[in-house]
């Protein structure tokens, strides 16, 4: 199962603005507001991961993540405060200039609004403001939607997306009944400011 769930049914362009996105900033035109998660959001992150078909971890993981990695994660809520999407990630301890994006999830009922890309842009602005220069994530070889998402993001930042194998099947438990596909690493950087003109209806 994937760690990124994308939303590719819309032609809307993300409104990234000219300044880095701020936590708890103004809501978008459709009422979406992106904020750092708190421990109270842990259950919502878990439900979003479950409902969007991600590799689901224990509820404890999402609550702990919302405490210790809130500054590098985001929860998106609509105008009625319903959770609609999230991104979790962290700064790699051995590489403090690199952000690793762990999961992207979008409420199935909120697809078609480019929310995955908009959250990625928000995180990109935030980590760039913190001085980070690269973003990493892993994607299975057959996940064309997630690959397009990261390629589009790299283009908007005027930087490159470099792909390489990272985890093979041998790195996952052999007795896992569902098995686990290999994971390729994408490394994007050096991060620049977003260029909204490079986003098209073909982007995710």
C-alpha atoms as a PDB file:
ATOM      1  CA  UNK A   1       0.000   0.000   0.000  1.00  0.00           C
ATOM      2  CA  UNK A   2       1.227   3.529  -0.680  1.00  0.00           C
ATOM      3  CA  UNK A   3       2.559   6.234   1.623  1.00  0.00           C
ATOM      4  CA  UNK A   4       1.333   8.968  -0.713  1.00  0.00           C
ATOM      5  CA  UNK A   5      -2.283   9.252  -1.820  1.00  0.00           C
ATOM      6  CA  UNK A   6      -2.677  11.802  -4.572  1.00  0.00           C
ATOM      7  CA  UNK A   7      -5.610  13.690  -5.946  1.00  0.00           C
ATOM      8  CA  UNK A   8      -5.446  14.089  -9.705  1.00  0.00           C
ATOM      9  CA  UNK A   9      -8.957  14.912 -10.832  1.00  0.00           C
ATOM     10  CA  UNK A  10      -8.769  18.696 -10.938  1.00  0.00           C
ATOM     11  CA  UNK A  11      -7.343  21.488 -13.048  1.00  0.00           C
ATOM     12  CA  UNK A  12      -7.220  24.060 -10.250  1.00  0.00           C
ATOM     13  CA  UNK A  13      -3.847  25.688  -9.643  1.00  0.00           C
ATOM     14  CA  UNK A  14      -2.507  25.882  -6.097  1.00  0.00           C
ATOM     15  CA  UNK A  15      -2.423  29.397  -4.676  1.00  0.00           C
ATOM     16  CA  UNK A  16       1.034  29.477  -3.119  1.00  0.00           C
ATOM     17  CA  UNK A  17       1.460  33.244  -2.955  1.00  0.00           C
ATOM     18  CA  UNK A  18       4.731  35.198  -2.887  1.00  0.00           C
ATOM     19  CA  UNK A  19       5.681  34.491   0.728  1.00  0.00           C
ATOM     20  CA  UNK A  20       6.383  31.275   2.631  1.00  0.00           C
ATOM     21  CA  UNK A  21       3.189  29.683   3.893  1.00  0.00           C
ATOM     22  CA  UNK A  22       2.591  30.324   7.564  1.00  0.00           C
ATOM     23  CA  UNK A  23       1.124  27.973  10.115  1.00  0.00           C
ATOM     24  CA  UNK A  24      -2.476  28.818  10.764  1.00  0.00           C
ATOM     25  CA  UNK A  25      -2.541  31.292   7.875  1.00  0.00           C
ATOM     26  CA  UNK A  26      -5.647  32.517   6.094  1.00  0.00           C
ATOM     27  CA  UNK A  27      -7.999  29.970   4.606  1.00  0.00           C
ATOM     28  CA  UNK A  28      -7.956  29.275   0.862  1.00  0.00           C
ATOM     29  CA  UNK A  29     -10.912  30.220  -1.325  1.00  0.00           C
ATOM     30  CA  UNK A  30     -12.516  26.825  -0.691  1.00  0.00           C
ATOM     31  CA  UNK A  31     -12.171  27.227   3.062  1.00  0.00           C
ATOM     32  CA  UNK A  32      -9.139  24.965   3.484  1.00  0.00           C
ATOM     33  CA  UNK A  33      -6.810  26.035   6.278  1.00  0.00           C
ATOM     34  CA  UNK A  34      -3.457  24.319   6.820  1.00  0.00           C
ATOM     35  CA  UNK A  35      -1.954  24.119  10.288  1.00  0.00           C
ATOM     36  CA  UNK A  36       0.570  22.241  12.348  1.00  0.00           C
ATOM     37  CA  UNK A  37      -1.130  19.239  13.964  1.00  0.00           C
ATOM     38  CA  UNK A  38      -1.487  18.991  17.730  1.00  0.00           C
ATOM     39  CA  UNK A  39      -1.839  15.829  19.793  1.00  0.00           C
ATOM     40  CA  UNK A  40      -5.613  16.304  19.595  1.00  0.00           C
ATOM     41  CA  UNK A  41      -5.295  15.763  15.824  1.00  0.00           C
ATOM     42  CA  UNK A  42      -3.640  12.350  16.162  1.00  0.00           C
ATOM     43  CA  UNK A  43      -6.907  10.394  15.826  1.00  0.00           C
ATOM     44  CA  UNK A  44      -7.863  12.411  12.734  1.00  0.00           C
ATOM     45  CA  UNK A  45      -4.526  11.674  11.063  1.00  0.00           C
ATOM     46  CA  UNK A  46      -5.017   7.970  11.772  1.00  0.00           C
ATOM     47  CA  UNK A  47      -8.549   8.012  10.292  1.00  0.00           C
ATOM     48  CA  UNK A  48      -7.388   9.905   7.204  1.00  0.00           C
ATOM     49  CA  UNK A  49      -4.566   7.399   6.682  1.00  0.00           C
ATOM     50  CA  UNK A  50      -7.030   4.528   7.015  1.00  0.00           C
ATOM     51  CA  UNK A  51      -9.693   6.014   4.758  1.00  0.00           C
ATOM     52  CA  UNK A  52      -7.283   7.122   2.025  1.00  0.00           C
ATOM     53  CA  UNK A  53      -5.688   3.682   1.664  1.00  0.00           C
ATOM     54  CA  UNK A  54      -2.228   4.424   3.056  1.00  0.00           C
ATOM     55  CA  UNK A  55      -0.037   2.004   4.968  1.00  0.00           C
ATOM     56  CA  UNK A  56      -1.748   2.487   8.306  1.00  0.00           C
ATOM     57  CA  UNK A  57       0.194   2.668  11.542  1.00  0.00           C
ATOM     58  CA  UNK A  58      -1.132   2.500  15.091  1.00  0.00           C
ATOM     59  CA  UNK A  59      -3.153   5.428  16.470  1.00  0.00           C
ATOM     60  CA  UNK A  60      -0.327   5.937  18.968  1.00  0.00           C
ATOM     61  CA  UNK A  61       2.123   6.660  16.149  1.00  0.00           C
ATOM     62  CA  UNK A  62       0.000   9.490  14.730  1.00  0.00           C
ATOM     63  CA  UNK A  63      -0.594  11.041  18.136  1.00  0.00           C
ATOM     64  CA  UNK A  64       3.103  10.852  19.033  1.00  0.00           C
ATOM     65  CA  UNK A  65       3.987  12.243  15.606  1.00  0.00           C
ATOM     66  CA  UNK A  66       1.656  15.181  16.192  1.00  0.00           C
ATOM     67  CA  UNK A  67       3.595  15.994  19.338  1.00  0.00           C
ATOM     68  CA  UNK A  68       7.202  15.500  18.240  1.00  0.00           C
ATOM     69  CA  UNK A  69       7.090  16.318  14.509  1.00  0.00           C
ATOM     70  CA  UNK A  70       4.321  18.913  14.306  1.00  0.00           C
ATOM     71  CA  UNK A  71       6.656  21.582  12.923  1.00  0.00           C
ATOM     72  CA  UNK A  72       7.311  19.444   9.835  1.00  0.00           C
ATOM     73  CA  UNK A  73       3.776  18.133   9.343  1.00  0.00           C
ATOM     74  CA  UNK A  74       0.436  19.632   8.374  1.00  0.00           C
ATOM     75  CA  UNK A  75      -3.268  18.948   8.764  1.00  0.00           C
ATOM     76  CA  UNK A  76      -5.732  20.552   6.354  1.00  0.00           C
ATOM     77  CA  UNK A  77      -9.237  21.382   7.603  1.00  0.00           C
ATOM     78  CA  UNK A  78     -12.242  22.762   5.747  1.00  0.00           C
ATOM     79  CA  UNK A  79     -14.417  25.706   6.751  1.00  0.00           C
ATOM     80  CA  UNK A  80     -16.378  23.478   9.124  1.00  0.00           C
ATOM     81  CA  UNK A  81     -13.146  22.269  10.757  1.00  0.00           C
ATOM     82  CA  UNK A  82     -13.419  18.787   9.254  1.00  0.00           C
ATOM     83  CA  UNK A  83     -10.028  17.139   8.593  1.00  0.00           C
ATOM     84  CA  UNK A  84      -9.494  16.774   4.851  1.00  0.00           C
ATOM     85  CA  UNK A  85      -5.828  15.901   4.445  1.00  0.00           C
ATOM     86  CA  UNK A  86      -2.451  15.635   6.102  1.00  0.00           C
ATOM     87  CA  UNK A  87       1.268  15.419   5.473  1.00  0.00           C
ATOM     88  CA  UNK A  88       3.751  13.895   7.896  1.00  0.00           C
ATOM     89  CA  UNK A  89       7.494  14.250   7.639  1.00  0.00           C
ATOM     90  CA  UNK A  90      10.683  14.946   9.558  1.00  0.00           C
ATOM     91  CA  UNK A  91      14.166  16.402   9.242  1.00  0.00           C
ATOM     92  CA  UNK A  92      16.688  13.602   8.813  1.00  0.00           C
ATOM     93  CA  UNK A  93      18.958  13.616  11.902  1.00  0.00           C
ATOM     94  CA  UNK A  94      22.124  12.767   9.934  1.00  0.00           C
ATOM     95  CA  UNK A  95      21.257  15.238   7.153  1.00  0.00           C
ATOM     96  CA  UNK A  96      19.806  18.372   8.772  1.00  0.00           C
ATOM     97  CA  UNK A  97      19.353  20.050   5.385  1.00  0.00           C
ATOM     98  CA  UNK A  98      16.964  17.298   4.222  1.00  0.00           C
ATOM     99  CA  UNK A  99      13.262  16.814   4.896  1.00  0.00           C
ATOM    100  CA  UNK A 100      11.832  13.316   4.496  1.00  0.00           C
ATOM    101  CA  UNK A 101       8.150  13.246   3.603  1.00  0.00           C
ATOM    102  CA  UNK A 102       6.592  10.135   5.098  1.00  0.00           C
ATOM    103  CA  UNK A 103       2.875  10.173   4.288  1.00  0.00           C
ATOM    104  CA  UNK A 104       0.406  12.264   2.290  1.00  0.00           C
ATOM    105  CA  UNK A 105      -3.283  11.514   2.769  1.00  0.00           C
ATOM    106  CA  UNK A 106      -6.436  13.111   1.340  1.00  0.00           C
ATOM    107  CA  UNK A 107     -10.004  12.473   2.444  1.00  0.00           C
ATOM    108  CA  UNK A 108     -11.626  10.436  -0.375  1.00  0.00           C
ATOM    109  CA  UNK A 109     -14.597  12.814  -0.272  1.00  0.00           C
ATOM    110  CA  UNK A 110     -12.325  15.767  -0.947  1.00  0.00           C
ATOM    111  CA  UNK A 111     -10.481  14.486  -3.997  1.00  0.00           C
ATOM    112  CA  UNK A 112     -10.395  16.477  -7.201  1.00  0.00           C
ATOM    113  CA  UNK A 113      -9.234  19.695  -5.529  1.00  0.00           C
ATOM    114  CA  UNK A 114      -5.452  19.294  -5.822  1.00  0.00           C
ATOM    115  CA  UNK A 115      -5.200  19.137  -2.047  1.00  0.00           C
ATOM    116  CA  UNK A 116      -2.185  16.792  -2.087  1.00  0.00           C
ATOM    117  CA  UNK A 117      -0.222  19.264  -4.208  1.00  0.00           C
ATOM    118  CA  UNK A 118      -1.383  22.234  -2.171  1.00  0.00           C
ATOM    119  CA  UNK A 119      -0.234  20.592   1.052  1.00  0.00           C
ATOM    120  CA  UNK A 120       3.084  19.712  -0.565  1.00  0.00           C
ATOM    121  CA  UNK A 121       3.537  23.348  -1.605  1.00  0.00           C
ATOM    122  CA  UNK A 122       2.718  24.440   1.950  1.00  0.00           C
ATOM    123  CA  UNK A 123       5.300  22.056   3.408  1.00  0.00           C
ATOM    124  CA  UNK A 124       7.837  23.117   0.778  1.00  0.00           C
ATOM    125  CA  UNK A 125       7.430  26.757   1.772  1.00  0.00           C
ATOM    126  CA  UNK A 126       7.681  25.926   5.441  1.00  0.00           C
ATOM    127  CA  UNK A 127      10.839  23.823   5.240  1.00  0.00           C
ATOM    128  CA  UNK A 128      12.500  26.313   2.888  1.00  0.00           C
ATOM    129  CA  UNK A 129      11.801  29.014   5.467  1.00  0.00           C
ATOM    130  CA  UNK A 130      13.546  26.791   8.030  1.00  0.00           C
ATOM    131  CA  UNK A 131      16.636  26.670   5.827  1.00  0.00           C
ATOM    132  CA  UNK A 132      16.259  23.136   4.482  1.00  0.00           C
ATOM    133  CA  UNK A 133      17.455  22.612   0.922  1.00  0.00           C
ATOM    134  CA  UNK A 134      16.195  19.158  -0.088  1.00  0.00           C
ATOM    135  CA  UNK A 135      13.035  17.067   0.156  1.00  0.00           C
ATOM    136  CA  UNK A 136      13.007  13.266  -0.017  1.00  0.00           C
ATOM    137  CA  UNK A 137      10.242  10.675  -0.248  1.00  0.00           C
ATOM    138  CA  UNK A 138       9.860   7.070  -1.326  1.00  0.00           C
ATOM    139  CA  UNK A 139       7.449   5.877  -4.001  1.00  0.00           C
ATOM    140  CA  UNK A 140       6.709   2.409  -5.351  1.00  0.00           C
ATOM    141  CA  UNK A 141       7.761   1.904  -8.985  1.00  0.00           C
ATOM    142  CA  UNK A 142       4.174   1.587 -10.248  1.00  0.00           C
ATOM    143  CA  UNK A 143       2.764   4.635  -8.442  1.00  0.00           C
ATOM    144  CA  UNK A 144       2.610   6.943 -11.454  1.00  0.00           C
ATOM    145  CA  UNK A 145       0.390   9.513  -9.698  1.00  0.00           C
ATOM    146  CA  UNK A 146       2.825  10.087  -6.828  1.00  0.00           C
ATOM    147  CA  UNK A 147       5.751  10.248  -9.235  1.00  0.00           C
ATOM    148  CA  UNK A 148       3.957  12.920 -11.246  1.00  0.00           C
ATOM    149  CA  UNK A 149       3.172  14.821  -8.042  1.00  0.00           C
ATOM    150  CA  UNK A 150       6.829  15.056  -7.044  1.00  0.00           C
ATOM    151  CA  UNK A 151       8.020  15.830 -10.572  1.00  0.00           C
ATOM    152  CA  UNK A 152       5.489  18.674 -10.758  1.00  0.00           C
ATOM    153  CA  UNK A 153       6.589  19.970  -7.365  1.00  0.00           C
ATOM    154  CA  UNK A 154      10.254  19.925  -8.449  1.00  0.00           C
ATOM    155  CA  UNK A 155       9.440  21.859 -11.621  1.00  0.00           C
ATOM    156  CA  UNK A 156       7.571  24.505  -9.649  1.00  0.00           C
ATOM    157  CA  UNK A 157      10.646  24.983  -7.437  1.00  0.00           C
ATOM    158  CA  UNK A 158      12.970  25.126 -10.441  1.00  0.00           C
ATOM    159  CA  UNK A 159      15.005  22.214  -9.180  1.00  0.00           C
ATOM    160  CA  UNK A 160      15.574  18.572 -10.074  1.00  0.00           C
ATOM    161  CA  UNK A 161      13.994  15.328  -8.924  1.00  0.00           C
ATOM    162  CA  UNK A 162      16.560  12.519  -8.807  1.00  0.00           C
ATOM    163  CA  UNK A 163      15.243   8.959  -8.565  1.00  0.00           C
ATOM    164  CA  UNK A 164      17.166   5.929  -7.275  1.00  0.00           C
ATOM    165  CA  UNK A 165      16.304   2.508  -5.776  1.00  0.00           C
ATOM    166  CA  UNK A 166      16.229   2.507  -1.972  1.00  0.00           C
ATOM    167  CA  UNK A 167      14.355  -0.428  -0.454  1.00  0.00           C
ATOM    168  CA  UNK A 168      13.960  -3.791  -2.185  1.00  0.00           C
ATOM    169  CA  UNK A 169      11.558  -6.574  -1.303  1.00  0.00           C
ATOM    170  CA  UNK A 170      14.310  -8.138   0.790  1.00  0.00           C
ATOM    171  CA  UNK A 171      14.134  -5.180   3.179  1.00  0.00           C
ATOM    172  CA  UNK A 172      10.589  -6.079   4.253  1.00  0.00           C
ATOM    173  CA  UNK A 173       9.316  -9.100   6.207  1.00  0.00           C
ATOM    174  CA  UNK A 174       9.091 -12.207   4.039  1.00  0.00           C
ATOM    175  CA  UNK A 175       6.155 -13.507   6.079  1.00  0.00           C
ATOM    176  CA  UNK A 176       4.018 -10.416   5.424  1.00  0.00           C
ATOM    177  CA  UNK A 177       0.928 -11.894   3.768  1.00  0.00           C
ATOM    178  CA  UNK A 178       0.347  -8.755   1.676  1.00  0.00           C
ATOM    179  CA  UNK A 179       3.996  -8.344   0.758  1.00  0.00           C
ATOM    180  CA  UNK A 180       5.571  -4.975   0.124  1.00  0.00           C
ATOM    181  CA  UNK A 181       6.649  -3.510  -3.165  1.00  0.00           C
ATOM    182  CA  UNK A 182      10.120  -2.007  -3.587  1.00  0.00           C
ATOM    183  CA  UNK A 183      10.447   1.685  -2.803  1.00  0.00           C
ATOM    184  CA  UNK A 184      12.370   4.180  -4.925  1.00  0.00           C
ATOM    185  CA  UNK A 185      13.824   7.323  -3.370  1.00  0.00           C
ATOM    186  CA  UNK A 186      13.167  10.732  -4.906  1.00  0.00           C
ATOM    187  CA  UNK A 187      15.444  13.563  -3.815  1.00  0.00           C
ATOM    188  CA  UNK A 188      14.357  17.069  -4.795  1.00  0.00           C
ATOM    189  CA  UNK A 189      16.514  20.160  -4.524  1.00  0.00           C
ATOM    190  CA  UNK A 190      17.936  22.592  -3.995  1.00  0.00           C
ATOM    191  CA  UNK A 191      14.565  24.001  -3.065  1.00  0.00           C
ATOM    192  CA  UNK A 192      13.535  27.357  -4.478  1.00  0.00           C
ATOM    193  CA  UNK A 193      10.422  29.454  -4.270  1.00  0.00           C
ATOM    194  CA  UNK A 194       7.325  28.078  -6.054  1.00  0.00           C
ATOM    195  CA  UNK A 195       6.548  29.083  -9.616  1.00  0.00           C
ATOM    196  CA  UNK A 196       2.781  28.727  -9.992  1.00  0.00           C
ATOM    197  CA  UNK A 197       2.968  29.377 -13.731  1.00  0.00           C
ATOM    198  CA  UNK A 198       4.646  25.959 -14.234  1.00  0.00           C
ATOM    199  CA  UNK A 199       1.634  24.108 -12.813  1.00  0.00           C
ATOM    200  CA  UNK A 200      -0.801  22.830 -15.428  1.00  0.00           C
ATOM    201  CA  UNK A 201      -3.995  20.846 -15.496  1.00  0.00           C
ATOM    202  CA  UNK A 202      -1.903  17.749 -16.137  1.00  0.00           C
ATOM    203  CA  UNK A 203      -0.135  18.192 -12.825  1.00  0.00           C
ATOM    204  CA  UNK A 204      -1.422  16.573  -9.673  1.00  0.00           C
END
